[in-house]
């Protein structure tokens, strides 16, 4: 964690443990939370798309064993 306020850039002591900036009053811990949450959402969607692609390839790679994927529970059931 840096020793500056993310909004106003005021210098903070390394031992300043309060959640709000003394200069501008912004909550230091939650500043930029919406942007981080949005980037995490986009990253999770990309990871899920890659996982779905791998599962799709796995389901169609072996024709003798049919793997059925449930979209709701995100589990795989093997039907022999």
PDB file of N, CA and C in Angstrom:
ATOM      1  N   UNK A   1       0.846  -1.179   0.000  1.00  0.00           N
ATOM      2  CA  UNK A   1       0.000   0.000   0.000  1.00  0.00           C
ATOM      3  C   UNK A   1       0.883   1.230   0.000  1.00  0.00           C
ATOM      4  N   UNK A   2       0.556   2.205  -0.816  1.00  0.00           N
ATOM      5  CA  UNK A   2       1.368   3.406  -0.901  1.00  0.00           C
ATOM      6  C   UNK A   2       1.023   4.358   0.238  1.00  0.00           C
ATOM      7  N   UNK A   3       1.871   5.321   0.451  1.00  0.00           N
ATOM      8  CA  UNK A   3       1.671   6.287   1.526  1.00  0.00           C
ATOM      9  C   UNK A   3       1.065   7.576   1.007  1.00  0.00           C
ATOM     10  N   UNK A   4       0.264   7.476  -0.051  1.00  0.00           N
ATOM     11  CA  UNK A   4      -0.406   8.639  -0.615  1.00  0.00           C
ATOM     12  C   UNK A   4      -1.897   8.363  -0.726  1.00  0.00           C
ATOM     13  N   UNK A   5      -2.682   9.408  -0.633  1.00  0.00           N
ATOM     14  CA  UNK A   5      -4.123   9.282  -0.853  1.00  0.00           C
ATOM     15  C   UNK A   5      -4.355   9.041  -2.347  1.00  0.00           C
ATOM     16  N   UNK A   6      -5.191   8.070  -2.715  1.00  0.00           N
ATOM     17  CA  UNK A   6      -5.409   7.797  -4.141  1.00  0.00           C
ATOM     18  C   UNK A   6      -6.178   8.907  -4.857  1.00  0.00           C
ATOM     19  N   UNK A   7      -6.898   9.730  -4.113  1.00  0.00           N
ATOM     20  CA  UNK A   7      -7.691  10.776  -4.748  1.00  0.00           C
ATOM     21  C   UNK A   7      -6.945  12.106  -4.832  1.00  0.00           C
ATOM     22  N   UNK A   8      -6.466  12.594  -3.697  1.00  0.00           N
ATOM     23  CA  UNK A   8      -5.849  13.927  -3.686  1.00  0.00           C
ATOM     24  C   UNK A   8      -4.331  13.887  -3.703  1.00  0.00           C
ATOM     25  N   UNK A   9      -3.731  12.725  -3.417  1.00  0.00           N
ATOM     26  CA  UNK A   9      -2.283  12.602  -3.449  1.00  0.00           C
ATOM     27  C   UNK A   9      -1.594  13.119  -2.198  1.00  0.00           C
ATOM     28  N   UNK A  10      -2.341  13.373  -1.140  1.00  0.00           N
ATOM     29  CA  UNK A  10      -1.746  13.858   0.102  1.00  0.00           C
ATOM     30  C   UNK A  10      -0.866  12.772   0.703  1.00  0.00           C
ATOM     31  N   UNK A  11       0.280  13.188   1.259  1.00  0.00           N
ATOM     32  CA  UNK A  11       1.198  12.235   1.851  1.00  0.00           C
ATOM     33  C   UNK A  11       0.644  11.777   3.195  1.00  0.00           C
ATOM     34  N   UNK A  12       0.653  10.465   3.404  1.00  0.00           N
ATOM     35  CA  UNK A  12       0.170   9.883   4.648  1.00  0.00           C
ATOM     36  C   UNK A  12       1.320   9.190   5.364  1.00  0.00           C
ATOM     37  N   UNK A  13       1.246   9.157   6.666  1.00  0.00           N
ATOM     38  CA  UNK A  13       2.253   8.481   7.468  1.00  0.00           C
ATOM     39  C   UNK A  13       2.140   6.975   7.241  1.00  0.00           C
ATOM     40  N   UNK A  14       3.252   6.248   7.296  1.00  0.00           N
ATOM     41  CA  UNK A  14       3.170   4.785   7.161  1.00  0.00           C
ATOM     42  C   UNK A  14       2.344   4.138   8.273  1.00  0.00           C
ATOM     43  N   UNK A  15       2.184   4.846   9.377  1.00  0.00           N
ATOM     44  CA  UNK A  15       1.421   4.327  10.505  1.00  0.00           C
ATOM     45  C   UNK A  15       0.005   4.887  10.552  1.00  0.00           C
ATOM     46  N   UNK A  16      -0.430   5.564   9.496  1.00  0.00           N
ATOM     47  CA  UNK A  16      -1.791   6.093   9.448  1.00  0.00           C
ATOM     48  C   UNK A  16      -2.731   4.939   9.110  1.00  0.00           C
ATOM     49  N   UNK A  17      -3.522   4.509  10.092  1.00  0.00           N
ATOM     50  CA  UNK A  17      -4.355   3.327   9.934  1.00  0.00           C
ATOM     51  C   UNK A  17      -5.838   3.647   9.828  1.00  0.00           C
ATOM     52  N   UNK A  18      -6.202   4.893   9.816  1.00  0.00           N
ATOM     53  CA  UNK A  18      -7.616   5.262   9.716  1.00  0.00           C
ATOM     54  C   UNK A  18      -8.094   5.048   8.276  1.00  0.00           C
ATOM     55  N   UNK A  19      -9.387   4.765   8.099  1.00  0.00           N
ATOM     56  CA  UNK A  19      -9.873   4.469   6.746  1.00  0.00           C
ATOM     57  C   UNK A  19     -10.047   5.696   5.859  1.00  0.00           C
ATOM     58  N   UNK A  20     -10.107   6.896   6.431  1.00  0.00           N
ATOM     59  CA  UNK A  20     -10.371   8.096   5.636  1.00  0.00           C
ATOM     60  C   UNK A  20      -9.145   8.989   5.556  1.00  0.00           C
ATOM     61  N   UNK A  21      -9.002   9.655   4.420  1.00  0.00           N
ATOM     62  CA  UNK A  21      -7.916  10.607   4.218  1.00  0.00           C
ATOM     63  C   UNK A  21      -8.179  11.846   5.075  1.00  0.00           C
ATOM     64  N   UNK A  22      -7.164  12.343   5.790  1.00  0.00           N
ATOM     65  CA  UNK A  22      -7.393  13.538   6.608  1.00  0.00           C
ATOM     66  C   UNK A  22      -7.569  14.809   5.777  1.00  0.00           C
ATOM     67  N   UNK A  23      -7.098  14.813   4.536  1.00  0.00           N
ATOM     68  CA  UNK A  23      -7.196  16.014   3.702  1.00  0.00           C
ATOM     69  C   UNK A  23      -8.538  16.122   2.982  1.00  0.00           C
ATOM     70  N   UNK A  24      -8.919  15.064   2.272  1.00  0.00           N
ATOM     71  CA  UNK A  24     -10.135  15.147   1.453  1.00  0.00           C
ATOM     72  C   UNK A  24     -11.286  14.315   2.002  1.00  0.00           C
ATOM     73  N   UNK A  25     -11.025  13.411   2.945  1.00  0.00           N
ATOM     74  CA  UNK A  25     -12.088  12.634   3.567  1.00  0.00           C
ATOM     75  C   UNK A  25     -12.535  11.407   2.789  1.00  0.00           C
ATOM     76  N   UNK A  26     -11.842  11.058   1.715  1.00  0.00           N
ATOM     77  CA  UNK A  26     -12.229   9.889   0.930  1.00  0.00           C
ATOM     78  C   UNK A  26     -11.856   8.620   1.690  1.00  0.00           C
ATOM     79  N   UNK A  27     -12.670   7.577   1.523  1.00  0.00           N
ATOM     80  CA  UNK A  27     -12.373   6.289   2.140  1.00  0.00           C
ATOM     81  C   UNK A  27     -11.261   5.640   1.320  1.00  0.00           C
ATOM     82  N   UNK A  28     -10.086   5.517   1.908  1.00  0.00           N
ATOM     83  CA  UNK A  28      -8.901   5.032   1.198  1.00  0.00           C
ATOM     84  C   UNK A  28      -9.054   3.569   0.811  1.00  0.00           C
ATOM     85  N   UNK A  29      -9.655   2.778   1.688  1.00  0.00           N
ATOM     86  CA  UNK A  29      -9.772   1.339   1.452  1.00  0.00           C
ATOM     87  C   UNK A  29     -10.686   1.047   0.267  1.00  0.00           C
ATOM     88  N   UNK A  30     -11.794   1.770   0.188  1.00  0.00           N
ATOM     89  CA  UNK A  30     -12.783   1.466  -0.842  1.00  0.00           C
ATOM     90  C   UNK A  30     -12.707   2.380  -2.058  1.00  0.00           C
ATOM     91  N   UNK A  31     -11.704   3.228  -2.139  1.00  0.00           N
ATOM     92  CA  UNK A  31     -11.568   4.105  -3.299  1.00  0.00           C
ATOM     93  C   UNK A  31     -11.243   3.272  -4.532  1.00  0.00           C
ATOM     94  N   UNK A  32     -12.008   3.424  -5.584  1.00  0.00           N
ATOM     95  CA  UNK A  32     -11.806   2.669  -6.819  1.00  0.00           C
ATOM     96  C   UNK A  32     -12.382   1.267  -6.770  1.00  0.00           C
ATOM     97  N   UNK A  33     -13.220   0.983  -5.789  1.00  0.00           N
ATOM     98  CA  UNK A  33     -13.794  -0.357  -5.630  1.00  0.00           C
ATOM     99  C   UNK A  33     -14.625  -0.750  -6.846  1.00  0.00           C
ATOM    100  N   UNK A  34     -15.398   0.188  -7.387  1.00  0.00           N
ATOM    101  CA  UNK A  34     -16.251  -0.122  -8.542  1.00  0.00           C
ATOM    102  C   UNK A  34     -15.422  -0.522  -9.764  1.00  0.00           C
ATOM    103  N   UNK A  35     -14.317   0.176  -9.989  1.00  0.00           N
ATOM    104  CA  UNK A  35     -13.466  -0.161 -11.132  1.00  0.00           C
ATOM    105  C   UNK A  35     -12.827  -1.529 -10.949  1.00  0.00           C
ATOM    106  N   UNK A  36     -12.365  -1.830  -9.722  1.00  0.00           N
ATOM    107  CA  UNK A  36     -11.766  -3.142  -9.467  1.00  0.00           C
ATOM    108  C   UNK A  36     -12.802  -4.248  -9.618  1.00  0.00           C
ATOM    109  N   UNK A  37     -14.021  -3.981  -9.156  1.00  0.00           N
ATOM    110  CA  UNK A  37     -15.082  -4.975  -9.265  1.00  0.00           C
ATOM    111  C   UNK A  37     -15.422  -5.240 -10.733  1.00  0.00           C
ATOM    112  N   UNK A  38     -15.480  -4.203 -11.536  1.00  0.00           N
ATOM    113  CA  UNK A  38     -15.774  -4.359 -12.963  1.00  0.00           C
ATOM    114  C   UNK A  38     -14.662  -5.132 -13.675  1.00  0.00           C
ATOM    115  N   UNK A  39     -13.405  -4.833 -13.345  1.00  0.00           N
ATOM    116  CA  UNK A  39     -12.299  -5.562 -13.982  1.00  0.00           C
ATOM    117  C   UNK A  39     -12.294  -7.027 -13.548  1.00  0.00           C
ATOM    118  N   UNK A  40     -12.632  -7.300 -12.288  1.00  0.00           N
ATOM    119  CA  UNK A  40     -12.731  -8.689 -11.836  1.00  0.00           C
ATOM    120  C   UNK A  40     -13.849  -9.423 -12.556  1.00  0.00           C
ATOM    121  N   UNK A  41     -14.951  -8.737 -12.813  1.00  0.00           N
ATOM    122  CA  UNK A  41     -16.081  -9.347 -13.529  1.00  0.00           C
ATOM    123  C   UNK A  41     -15.680  -9.720 -14.946  1.00  0.00           C
ATOM    124  N   UNK A  42     -15.000  -8.820 -15.627  1.00  0.00           N
ATOM    125  CA  UNK A  42     -14.569  -9.071 -17.004  1.00  0.00           C
ATOM    126  C   UNK A  42     -13.570 -10.229 -17.040  1.00  0.00           C
ATOM    127  N   UNK A  43     -12.626 -10.257 -16.086  1.00  0.00           N
ATOM    128  CA  UNK A  43     -11.640 -11.331 -16.026  1.00  0.00           C
ATOM    129  C   UNK A  43     -12.309 -12.676 -15.748  1.00  0.00           C
ATOM    130  N   UNK A  44     -13.300 -12.688 -14.844  1.00  0.00           N
ATOM    131  CA  UNK A  44     -14.003 -13.935 -14.525  1.00  0.00           C
ATOM    132  C   UNK A  44     -14.798 -14.442 -15.722  1.00  0.00           C
ATOM    133  N   UNK A  45     -15.411 -13.532 -16.481  1.00  0.00           N
ATOM    134  CA  UNK A  45     -16.155 -13.941 -17.670  1.00  0.00           C
ATOM    135  C   UNK A  45     -15.225 -14.573 -18.707  1.00  0.00           C
ATOM    136  N   UNK A  46     -14.044 -13.990 -18.885  1.00  0.00           N
ATOM    137  CA  UNK A  46     -13.080 -14.549 -19.835  1.00  0.00           C
ATOM    138  C   UNK A  46     -12.608 -15.928 -19.389  1.00  0.00           C
ATOM    139  N   UNK A  47     -12.352 -16.073 -18.086  1.00  0.00           N
ATOM    140  CA  UNK A  47     -11.925 -17.366 -17.579  1.00  0.00           C
ATOM    141  C   UNK A  47     -13.023 -18.409 -17.740  1.00  0.00           C
ATOM    142  N   UNK A  48     -14.271 -18.015 -17.524  1.00  0.00           N
ATOM    143  CA  UNK A  48     -15.371 -18.961 -17.668  1.00  0.00           C
ATOM    144  C   UNK A  48     -15.551 -19.360 -19.129  1.00  0.00           C
ATOM    145  N   UNK A  49     -15.370 -18.423 -20.060  1.00  0.00           N
ATOM    146  CA  UNK A  49     -15.452 -18.754 -21.483  1.00  0.00           C
ATOM    147  C   UNK A  49     -14.378 -19.779 -21.850  1.00  0.00           C
ATOM    148  N   UNK A  50     -13.144 -19.596 -21.332  1.00  0.00           N
ATOM    149  CA  UNK A  50     -12.076 -20.552 -21.608  1.00  0.00           C
ATOM    150  C   UNK A  50     -12.401 -21.917 -21.005  1.00  0.00           C
ATOM    151  N   UNK A  51     -12.968 -21.911 -19.811  1.00  0.00           N
ATOM    152  CA  UNK A  51     -13.340 -23.176 -19.163  1.00  0.00           C
ATOM    153  C   UNK A  51     -14.420 -23.882 -19.954  1.00  0.00           C
ATOM    154  N   UNK A  52     -15.415 -23.139 -20.428  1.00  0.00           N
ATOM    155  CA  UNK A  52     -16.474 -23.735 -21.237  1.00  0.00           C
ATOM    156  C   UNK A  52     -15.905 -24.330 -22.520  1.00  0.00           C
ATOM    157  N   UNK A  53     -14.956 -23.653 -23.124  1.00  0.00           N
ATOM    158  CA  UNK A  53     -14.341 -24.152 -24.351  1.00  0.00           C
ATOM    159  C   UNK A  53     -13.614 -25.460 -24.090  1.00  0.00           C
ATOM    160  N   UNK A  54     -12.868 -25.529 -22.994  1.00  0.00           N
ATOM    161  CA  UNK A  54     -12.148 -26.759 -22.649  1.00  0.00           C
ATOM    162  C   UNK A  54     -13.138 -27.882 -22.369  1.00  0.00           C
ATOM    163  N   UNK A  55     -14.201 -27.596 -21.633  1.00  0.00           N
ATOM    164  CA  UNK A  55     -15.203 -28.609 -21.333  1.00  0.00           C
ATOM    165  C   UNK A  55     -15.913 -29.076 -22.598  1.00  0.00           C
ATOM    166  N   UNK A  56     -16.161 -28.159 -23.515  1.00  0.00           N
ATOM    167  CA  UNK A  56     -16.792 -28.513 -24.781  1.00  0.00           C
ATOM    168  C   UNK A  56     -15.884 -29.442 -25.586  1.00  0.00           C
ATOM    169  N   UNK A  57     -14.589 -29.107 -25.634  1.00  0.00           N
ATOM    170  CA  UNK A  57     -13.640 -29.965 -26.353  1.00  0.00           C
ATOM    171  C   UNK A  57     -13.530 -31.327 -25.689  1.00  0.00           C
ATOM    172  N   UNK A  58     -13.531 -31.340 -24.363  1.00  0.00           N
ATOM    173  CA  UNK A  58     -13.452 -32.594 -23.635  1.00  0.00           C
ATOM    174  C   UNK A  58     -14.677 -33.458 -23.890  1.00  0.00           C
ATOM    175  N   UNK A  59     -15.847 -32.848 -23.933  1.00  0.00           N
ATOM    176  CA  UNK A  59     -17.077 -33.598 -24.147  1.00  0.00           C
ATOM    177  C   UNK A  59     -17.122 -34.214 -25.539  1.00  0.00           C
ATOM    178  N   UNK A  60     -16.536 -33.534 -26.518  1.00  0.00           N
ATOM    179  CA  UNK A  60     -16.594 -34.029 -27.886  1.00  0.00           C
ATOM    180  C   UNK A  60     -15.336 -34.789 -28.310  1.00  0.00           C
ATOM    181  N   UNK A  61     -14.358 -34.900 -27.422  1.00  0.00           N
ATOM    182  CA  UNK A  61     -13.125 -35.582 -27.801  1.00  0.00           C
ATOM    183  C   UNK A  61     -13.254 -37.095 -27.734  1.00  0.00           C
ATOM    184  N   UNK A  62     -14.018 -37.593 -26.792  1.00  0.00           N
ATOM    185  CA  UNK A  62     -14.155 -39.028 -26.619  1.00  0.00           C
ATOM    186  C   UNK A  62     -15.587 -39.428 -26.967  1.00  0.00           C
ATOM    187  N   UNK A  63     -15.753 -40.159 -28.042  1.00  0.00           N
ATOM    188  CA  UNK A  63     -17.095 -40.503 -28.511  1.00  0.00           C
ATOM    189  C   UNK A  63     -17.696 -41.703 -27.765  1.00  0.00           C
ATOM    190  N   UNK A  64     -16.874 -42.521 -27.135  1.00  0.00           N
ATOM    191  CA  UNK A  64     -17.408 -43.695 -26.446  1.00  0.00           C
ATOM    192  C   UNK A  64     -18.049 -43.324 -25.114  1.00  0.00           C
ATOM    193  N   UNK A  65     -17.488 -42.405 -24.415  1.00  0.00           N
ATOM    194  CA  UNK A  65     -18.052 -41.961 -23.148  1.00  0.00           C
ATOM    195  C   UNK A  65     -18.679 -40.599 -23.378  1.00  0.00           C
ATOM    196  N   UNK A  66     -19.941 -40.480 -23.085  1.00  0.00           N
ATOM    197  CA  UNK A  66     -20.639 -39.217 -23.274  1.00  0.00           C
ATOM    198  C   UNK A  66     -20.648 -38.456 -21.963  1.00  0.00           C
ATOM    199  N   UNK A  67     -20.134 -37.253 -22.002  1.00  0.00           N
ATOM    200  CA  UNK A  67     -20.111 -36.417 -20.815  1.00  0.00           C
ATOM    201  C   UNK A  67     -21.192 -35.355 -20.987  1.00  0.00           C
ATOM    202  N   UNK A  68     -22.065 -35.267 -20.018  1.00  0.00           N
ATOM    203  CA  UNK A  68     -23.163 -34.316 -20.068  1.00  0.00           C
ATOM    204  C   UNK A  68     -22.866 -33.218 -19.074  1.00  0.00           C
ATOM    205  N   UNK A  69     -22.849 -31.977 -19.547  1.00  0.00           N
ATOM    206  CA  UNK A  69     -22.576 -30.835 -18.688  1.00  0.00           C
ATOM    207  C   UNK A  69     -23.871 -30.106 -18.394  1.00  0.00           C
ATOM    208  N   UNK A  70     -24.056 -29.796 -17.156  1.00  0.00           N
ATOM    209  CA  UNK A  70     -25.232 -29.048 -16.735  1.00  0.00           C
ATOM    210  C   UNK A  70     -24.832 -27.594 -16.584  1.00  0.00           C
ATOM    211  N   UNK A  71     -25.538 -26.698 -17.234  1.00  0.00           N
ATOM    212  CA  UNK A  71     -25.207 -25.282 -17.187  1.00  0.00           C
ATOM    213  C   UNK A  71     -25.561 -24.667 -15.841  1.00  0.00           C
ATOM    214  N   UNK A  72     -26.557 -25.200 -15.167  1.00  0.00           N
ATOM    215  CA  UNK A  72     -26.981 -24.608 -13.906  1.00  0.00           C
ATOM    216  C   UNK A  72     -26.010 -24.922 -12.774  1.00  0.00           C
ATOM    217  N   UNK A  73     -25.678 -26.184 -12.615  1.00  0.00           N
ATOM    218  CA  UNK A  73     -24.821 -26.564 -11.493  1.00  0.00           C
ATOM    219  C   UNK A  73     -23.353 -26.564 -11.862  1.00  0.00           C
ATOM    220  N   UNK A  74     -23.047 -26.447 -13.146  1.00  0.00           N
ATOM    221  CA  UNK A  74     -21.681 -26.427 -13.656  1.00  0.00           C
ATOM    222  C   UNK A  74     -20.887 -27.659 -13.202  1.00  0.00           C
ATOM    223  N   UNK A  75     -21.541 -28.810 -13.317  1.00  0.00           N
ATOM    224  CA  UNK A  75     -20.899 -30.073 -13.004  1.00  0.00           C
ATOM    225  C   UNK A  75     -20.931 -30.969 -14.226  1.00  0.00           C
ATOM    226  N   UNK A  76     -20.150 -31.997 -14.192  1.00  0.00           N
ATOM    227  CA  UNK A  76     -20.113 -32.939 -15.303  1.00  0.00           C
ATOM    228  C   UNK A  76     -20.580 -34.296 -14.819  1.00  0.00           C
ATOM    229  N   UNK A  77     -21.470 -34.911 -15.545  1.00  0.00           N
ATOM    230  CA  UNK A  77     -21.938 -36.269 -15.264  1.00  0.00           C
ATOM    231  C   UNK A  77     -21.495 -37.163 -16.409  1.00  0.00           C
ATOM    232  N   UNK A  78     -20.947 -38.312 -16.083  1.00  0.00           N
ATOM    233  CA  UNK A  78     -20.497 -39.245 -17.103  1.00  0.00           C
ATOM    234  C   UNK A  78     -21.552 -40.325 -17.273  1.00  0.00           C
ATOM    235  N   UNK A  79     -21.975 -40.497 -18.513  1.00  0.00           N
ATOM    236  CA  UNK A  79     -22.965 -41.539 -18.842  1.00  0.00           C
ATOM    237  C   UNK A  79     -22.267 -42.573 -19.708  1.00  0.00           C
ATOM    238  N   UNK A  80     -22.225 -43.784 -19.274  1.00  0.00           N
ATOM    239  CA  UNK A  80     -21.555 -44.853 -20.037  1.00  0.00           C
ATOM    240  C   UNK A  80     -22.606 -45.710 -20.714  1.00  0.00           C
TER     241      UNK A  80
END
